[in-house]
Protein backbone atom coordinates (compact mmCIF):
# COMPACT_ATOMS: atom_id res chain seq x y z
CA UNK A 1 -94.31 -81.56 -182.93
CA UNK A 2 -94.61 -81.61 -179.17
CA UNK A 3 -91.79 -82.74 -176.89
CA UNK A 4 -91.28 -84.25 -173.46
CA UNK A 5 -87.79 -83.74 -172.05
CA UNK A 6 -85.52 -84.33 -169.11
CA UNK A 7 -82.85 -81.95 -167.87
CA UNK A 8 -80.04 -82.84 -165.51
CA UNK A 9 -79.62 -79.81 -163.22
CA UNK A 10 -76.41 -78.59 -161.59
CA UNK A 11 -77.62 -80.07 -158.19
CA UNK A 12 -77.83 -83.51 -159.83
CA UNK A 13 -81.63 -83.52 -159.85
CA UNK A 14 -83.83 -84.04 -162.85
CA UNK A 15 -86.36 -81.64 -164.26
CA UNK A 16 -89.07 -83.05 -166.47
CA UNK A 17 -91.12 -80.91 -168.75
CA UNK A 18 -92.96 -80.68 -172.10
CA UNK A 19 -93.10 -78.06 -174.80
CA UNK A 20 -94.24 -77.31 -178.28
CA UNK A 21 -90.98 -75.58 -179.15
CA UNK A 22 -88.09 -77.42 -177.48
CA UNK A 23 -85.40 -74.99 -178.60
CA UNK A 24 -87.29 -72.02 -177.30
CA UNK A 25 -88.09 -73.70 -174.05
CA UNK A 26 -84.42 -74.70 -173.48
CA UNK A 27 -83.45 -71.06 -174.18
CA UNK A 28 -85.99 -69.96 -171.52
CA UNK A 29 -84.38 -72.37 -169.01
CA UNK A 30 -80.89 -71.17 -170.04
CA UNK A 31 -81.62 -67.47 -169.46
CA UNK A 32 -83.26 -68.16 -166.06
CA UNK A 33 -86.84 -67.58 -167.23
CA UNK A 34 -88.10 -70.79 -165.58
CA UNK A 35 -88.45 -70.38 -161.83
CA UNK A 36 -88.05 -74.11 -161.12
CA UNK A 37 -84.62 -74.23 -162.76
CA UNK A 38 -83.23 -70.70 -162.59
CA UNK A 39 -81.06 -71.30 -159.51
CA UNK A 40 -79.96 -74.75 -160.70
CA UNK A 41 -78.06 -73.76 -163.87
CA UNK A 42 -76.14 -74.90 -165.76
CA UNK A 43 -78.12 -77.92 -166.91
CA UNK A 44 -77.77 -80.63 -169.49
CA UNK A 45 -80.49 -81.99 -171.77
CA UNK A 46 -80.30 -85.74 -171.26
CA UNK A 47 -83.36 -87.01 -173.00
CA UNK A 48 -86.22 -85.77 -175.25
CA UNK A 49 -88.85 -87.46 -177.24
CA UNK A 50 -91.23 -86.04 -179.96
CA UNK A 51 -94.93 -86.62 -180.10
CA UNK A 52 -97.53 -85.79 -182.69
CA UNK A 53 -100.00 -84.37 -180.18
CA UNK A 54 -99.80 -82.22 -177.11
CA UNK A 55 -101.85 -84.73 -175.17
CA UNK A 56 -99.32 -87.50 -175.75
CA UNK A 57 -96.41 -85.34 -174.70
CA UNK A 58 -98.13 -84.20 -171.55
CA UNK A 59 -99.23 -87.76 -170.76
CA UNK A 60 -95.64 -89.01 -171.13
CA UNK A 61 -94.38 -86.14 -168.94
CA UNK A 62 -96.84 -87.11 -166.20
CA UNK A 63 -95.79 -90.72 -166.52
CA UNK A 64 -92.12 -89.85 -166.14
CA UNK A 65 -93.04 -87.95 -162.94
CA UNK A 66 -94.83 -90.97 -161.48
CA UNK A 67 -93.20 -93.66 -159.43
CA UNK A 68 -93.32 -96.24 -162.24
CA UNK A 69 -92.04 -93.56 -164.59
CA UNK A 70 -89.20 -92.82 -162.20
CA UNK A 71 -88.14 -96.48 -162.41
CA UNK A 72 -88.42 -96.45 -166.20
CA UNK A 73 -86.48 -93.22 -166.45
CA UNK A 74 -83.73 -94.49 -164.16
CA UNK A 75 -83.33 -97.84 -166.01
CA UNK A 76 -83.96 -96.89 -169.59
CA UNK A 77 -83.46 -93.21 -170.22
CA UNK A 78 -80.72 -91.66 -168.02
């Protein structure tokens, strides 16, 4: 499975990402191994969705980062 996910960071901003192994990726974030989030810990996983292909997960991640995805995220997901 592939995953797209949203983290709520300590500065109240959202981080959107995708991964093949969600537990491993969250552990990387937690230990400070991801430069985009290492100074914004602790964080909370607020949403994730599973996909059968990497392309679908990445496409959904890109959508969530777009302006229409921002509106969808704000109204429906978080």
